[in-house]
C-alpha atoms as a PDB file:
ATOM      1  CA  MET A   1      13.903 -13.604   9.149  1.00  0.00           C
ATOM      2  CA  ASP A   2      13.637 -10.143   7.562  1.00  0.00           C
ATOM      3  CA  ARG A   3      10.237  -9.195   6.139  1.00  0.00           C
ATOM      4  CA  THR A   4       9.553  -6.362   3.726  1.00  0.00           C
ATOM      5  CA  VAL A   5       6.326  -4.382   4.022  1.00  0.00           C
ATOM      6  CA  LEU A   6       5.514  -2.210   1.008  1.00  0.00           C
ATOM      7  CA  ILE A   7       2.959   0.581   1.176  1.00  0.00           C
ATOM      8  CA  LEU A   8       1.777   1.894  -2.193  1.00  0.00           C
ATOM      9  CA  ASP A   9      -0.258   5.014  -2.848  1.00  0.00           C
ATOM     10  CA  GLY A  10      -0.956   7.736  -5.383  1.00  0.00           C
ATOM     11  CA  GLN A  11      -2.517  11.186  -5.608  1.00  0.00           C
ATOM     12  CA  GLY A  12      -1.586  13.027  -2.364  1.00  0.00           C
ATOM     13  CA  GLY A  13      -0.519   9.948  -0.414  1.00  0.00           C
ATOM     14  CA  GLY A  14      -3.182  10.313   2.269  1.00  0.00           C
ATOM     15  CA  VAL A  15      -4.043   6.616   2.498  1.00  0.00           C
ATOM     16  CA  GLY A  16      -0.395   5.571   2.426  1.00  0.00           C
ATOM     17  CA  SER A  17       0.714   8.098   5.026  1.00  0.00           C
ATOM     18  CA  GLN A  18      -2.034   6.986   7.416  1.00  0.00           C
ATOM     19  CA  LEU A  19      -1.034   3.346   6.892  1.00  0.00           C
ATOM     20  CA  VAL A  20       2.583   4.257   7.712  1.00  0.00           C
ATOM     21  CA  LYS A  21       1.484   5.966  10.945  1.00  0.00           C
ATOM     22  CA  LEU A  22      -0.690   3.015  11.978  1.00  0.00           C
ATOM     23  CA  LEU A  23       1.774   0.256  11.125  1.00  0.00           C
ATOM     24  CA  LEU A  24       5.226   1.692  11.884  1.00  0.00           C
ATOM     25  CA  PRO A  25       4.928   1.616  15.703  1.00  0.00           C
ATOM     26  CA  ARG A  26       3.899  -2.059  15.556  1.00  0.00           C
ATOM     27  CA  LEU A  27       6.773  -3.350  13.424  1.00  0.00           C
ATOM     28  CA  ARG A  28       9.654  -5.343  14.849  1.00  0.00           C
ATOM     29  CA  PRO A  29      13.253  -4.512  13.920  1.00  0.00           C
ATOM     30  CA  ASP A  30      13.289  -7.421  11.435  1.00  0.00           C
ATOM     31  CA  CYS A  31      10.515  -5.758   9.388  1.00  0.00           C
ATOM     32  CA  ARG A  32      11.514  -3.208   6.781  1.00  0.00           C
ATOM     33  CA  LEU A  33       8.896  -0.639   5.785  1.00  0.00           C
ATOM     34  CA  LEU A  34       9.161   0.789   2.273  1.00  0.00           C
ATOM     35  CA  CYS A  35       6.831   3.238   0.603  1.00  0.00           C
ATOM     36  CA  VAL A  36       6.341   3.746  -3.109  1.00  0.00           C
ATOM     37  CA  GLY A  37       4.231   6.474  -4.630  1.00  0.00           C
ATOM     38  CA  THR A  38       2.898   6.740  -8.135  1.00  0.00           C
ATOM     39  CA  ASN A  39       3.989  10.380  -7.902  1.00  0.00           C
ATOM     40  CA  VAL A  40       6.371  12.508  -5.831  1.00  0.00           C
ATOM     41  CA  MET A  41       3.620  14.002  -3.656  1.00  0.00           C
ATOM     42  CA  ALA A  42       2.439  10.555  -2.524  1.00  0.00           C
ATOM     43  CA  THR A  43       5.981   9.387  -1.776  1.00  0.00           C
ATOM     44  CA  SER A  44       6.775  12.586   0.108  1.00  0.00           C
ATOM     45  CA  ALA A  45       3.640  12.270   2.270  1.00  0.00           C
ATOM     46  CA  MET A  46       4.550   8.701   3.252  1.00  0.00           C
ATOM     47  CA  LEU A  47       8.140   9.678   4.068  1.00  0.00           C
ATOM     48  CA  LYS A  48       6.892  12.590   6.205  1.00  0.00           C
ATOM     49  CA  ALA A  49       4.645  10.104   8.038  1.00  0.00           C
ATOM     50  CA  GLY A  50       7.739   8.150   9.093  1.00  0.00           C
ATOM     51  CA  ALA A  51       8.631   5.629   6.380  1.00  0.00           C
ATOM     52  CA  ALA A  52      12.413   5.282   6.317  1.00  0.00           C
ATOM     53  CA  GLN A  53      12.712   4.557   2.597  1.00  0.00           C
ATOM     54  CA  GLY A  54      10.703   5.604  -0.404  1.00  0.00           C
ATOM     55  CA  ALA A  55      10.723   5.618  -4.170  1.00  0.00           C
ATOM     56  CA  THR A  56       8.508   6.930  -6.934  1.00  0.00           C
ATOM     57  CA  GLY A  57       7.155   5.753 -10.253  1.00  0.00           C
ATOM     58  CA  GLU A  58       6.447   2.726 -12.374  1.00  0.00           C
ATOM     59  CA  ASN A  59       9.815   1.020 -12.108  1.00  0.00           C
ATOM     60  CA  ALA A  60       9.867   1.473  -8.325  1.00  0.00           C
ATOM     61  CA  VAL A  61       6.466  -0.223  -8.058  1.00  0.00           C
ATOM     62  CA  VAL A  62       7.457  -3.091 -10.356  1.00  0.00           C
ATOM     63  CA  TYR A  63      10.832  -3.646  -8.665  1.00  0.00           C
ATOM     64  CA  ASN A  64       9.624  -3.471  -5.065  1.00  0.00           C
ATOM     65  CA  ALA A  65       6.367  -5.409  -5.537  1.00  0.00           C
ATOM     66  CA  ALA A  66       8.436  -8.401  -6.643  1.00  0.00           C
ATOM     67  CA  ARG A  67      10.481  -8.266  -3.425  1.00  0.00           C
ATOM     68  CA  ALA A  68       7.776  -7.506  -0.850  1.00  0.00           C
ATOM     69  CA  ASP A  69       6.300  -9.938   1.655  1.00  0.00           C
ATOM     70  CA  VAL A  70       3.237  -7.777   2.376  1.00  0.00           C
ATOM     71  CA  ILE A  71       1.770  -5.009   0.189  1.00  0.00           C
ATOM     72  CA  LEU A  72      -0.752  -2.470   1.464  1.00  0.00           C
ATOM     73  CA  GLY A  73      -2.585   0.215  -0.478  1.00  0.00           C
ATOM     74  CA  PRO A  74      -5.870   1.293  -2.004  1.00  0.00           C
ATOM     75  CA  VAL A  75      -7.624  -1.243  -4.231  1.00  0.00           C
ATOM     76  CA  GLY A  76      -6.716   0.920  -7.237  1.00  0.00           C
ATOM     77  CA  VAL A  77      -3.097  -0.307  -7.094  1.00  0.00           C
ATOM     78  CA  ILE A  78      -4.157  -3.599  -8.705  1.00  0.00           C
ATOM     79  CA  LEU A  79      -6.249  -1.957 -11.432  1.00  0.00           C
ATOM     80  CA  ALA A  80      -4.774  -0.852 -14.748  1.00  0.00           C
ATOM     81  CA  ASN A  81      -5.428   2.897 -14.957  1.00  0.00           C
ATOM     82  CA  GLY A  82      -6.533   2.918 -11.299  1.00  0.00           C
ATOM     83  CA  ILE A  83      -6.241   5.923  -8.990  1.00  0.00           C
ATOM     84  CA  MET A  84      -7.412   8.313 -11.734  1.00  0.00           C
ATOM     85  CA  GLY A  85      -4.991   6.859 -14.269  1.00  0.00           C
ATOM     86  CA  GLU A  86      -1.884   6.950 -12.067  1.00  0.00           C
ATOM     87  CA  VAL A  87      -1.517   3.150 -12.038  1.00  0.00           C
ATOM     88  CA  SER A  88      -0.107   1.918 -15.326  1.00  0.00           C
ATOM     89  CA  PRO A  89      -0.963  -1.555 -16.619  1.00  0.00           C
ATOM     90  CA  ALA A  90       2.617  -2.627 -15.758  1.00  0.00           C
ATOM     91  CA  MET A  91       2.200  -1.423 -12.155  1.00  0.00           C
ATOM     92  CA  ALA A  92      -1.127  -3.222 -11.767  1.00  0.00           C
ATOM     93  CA  ALA A  93       0.321  -6.434 -13.209  1.00  0.00           C
ATOM     94  CA  ALA A  94       3.369  -6.248 -10.925  1.00  0.00           C
ATOM     95  CA  VAL A  95       1.284  -5.768  -7.779  1.00  0.00           C
ATOM     96  CA  SER A  96      -1.420  -8.295  -8.604  1.00  0.00           C
ATOM     97  CA  GLY A  97       1.181 -10.828  -9.792  1.00  0.00           C
ATOM     98  CA  SER A  98       3.420 -10.419  -6.758  1.00  0.00           C
ATOM     99  CA  GLY A  99       3.700 -13.351  -4.394  1.00  0.00           C
ATOM    100  CA  ALA A 100       3.240 -10.939  -1.493  1.00  0.00           C
ATOM    101  CA  VAL A 101       0.174 -10.938   0.712  1.00  0.00           C
ATOM    102  CA  LYS A 102      -1.916  -8.006  -0.513  1.00  0.00           C
ATOM    103  CA  ILE A 103      -4.026  -5.966   1.887  1.00  0.00           C
ATOM    104  CA  LEU A 104      -6.179  -3.539  -0.076  1.00  0.00           C
ATOM    105  CA  ILE A 105      -8.294  -0.634   1.124  1.00  0.00           C
ATOM    106  CA  PRO A 106     -11.738  -0.495  -0.552  1.00  0.00           C
ATOM    107  CA  SER A 107     -12.529   2.750  -2.314  1.00  0.00           C
ATOM    108  CA  SER A 108     -15.646   3.525  -4.284  1.00  0.00           C
ATOM    109  CA  SER A 109     -13.754   6.314  -6.078  1.00  0.00           C
ATOM    110  CA  CYS A 110     -12.158   3.618  -8.265  1.00  0.00           C
ATOM    111  CA  GLY A 111     -15.599   2.399  -9.321  1.00  0.00           C
ATOM    112  CA  VAL A 112     -14.906  -1.012  -7.779  1.00  0.00           C
ATOM    113  CA  TYR A 113     -17.112  -2.479  -5.090  1.00  0.00           C
ATOM    114  CA  VAL A 114     -16.251  -5.678  -3.262  1.00  0.00           C
ATOM    115  CA  ALA A 115     -19.312  -7.756  -2.381  1.00  0.00           C
ATOM    116  CA  GLY A 116     -19.368  -8.753   1.259  1.00  0.00           C
ATOM    117  CA  VAL A 117     -17.367  -5.758   2.474  1.00  0.00           C
ATOM    118  CA  GLU A 118     -19.433  -3.559   4.734  1.00  0.00           C
ATOM    119  CA  GLU A 119     -19.299   0.154   4.173  1.00  0.00           C
ATOM    120  CA  CYS A 120     -17.066   1.877   6.739  1.00  0.00           C
ATOM    121  CA  ARG A 121     -15.310   5.159   7.200  1.00  0.00           C
ATOM    122  CA  LEU A 122     -11.827   5.260   5.658  1.00  0.00           C
ATOM    123  CA  GLU A 123     -10.231   5.379   9.126  1.00  0.00           C
ATOM    124  CA  GLU A 124     -11.837   2.042  10.012  1.00  0.00           C
ATOM    125  CA  TYR A 125     -10.629   0.406   6.782  1.00  0.00           C
ATOM    126  CA  LEU A 126      -7.109   1.688   7.510  1.00  0.00           C
ATOM    127  CA  ARG A 127      -7.160   0.371  11.092  1.00  0.00           C
ATOM    128  CA  ARG A 128      -8.363  -3.010   9.855  1.00  0.00           C
ATOM    129  CA  ALA A 129      -5.641  -3.075   7.194  1.00  0.00           C
ATOM    130  CA  ALA A 130      -2.956  -2.360   9.805  1.00  0.00           C
ATOM    131  CA  ASP A 131      -4.389  -5.127  12.009  1.00  0.00           C
ATOM    132  CA  LEU A 132      -4.346  -7.602   9.107  1.00  0.00           C
ATOM    133  CA  ALA A 133      -0.750  -6.697   8.257  1.00  0.00           C
ATOM    134  CA  ALA A 134       0.326  -7.085  11.895  1.00  0.00           C
ATOM    135  CA  ARG A 135      -1.335 -10.495  12.054  1.00  0.00           C
ATOM    136  CA  GLU A 136       0.337 -11.579   8.801  1.00  0.00           C
ATOM    137  CA  LEU A 137       3.711 -10.473  10.175  1.00  0.00           C
ATOM    138  CA  GLY A 138       3.133 -12.286  13.469  1.00  0.00           C
ATOM    139  CA  LEU A 139       3.109  -9.084  15.530  1.00  0.00           C
END
């Protein structure tokens, strides 16, 4: 059974590219890794990190979120005007409304705090996100 893993990011793609590097070596051949950036720089960073396929912009987010089994990215991808305004309301609605399992990286830069989540370094959040995705995919 083929599974689609979608990594979303904005700005410079730093979170997304690190997620690609952490998750790609763990994926089985029946898992397809896609990356979508809110801008070209984010998409380019994720492709350079090893993602085989990538796309950019609002329509790419909307289209691929509807088809993904697992979505990973910063918490801002589910917030209208998140990631300094790069996430449109349509993008946020598509991601939050997707039937995919969503694994989100906490970030205080979005002004959103999740009660019960301990404060960690970004690297630890990314490692935990990759572990959660691997578990969800049965890896």
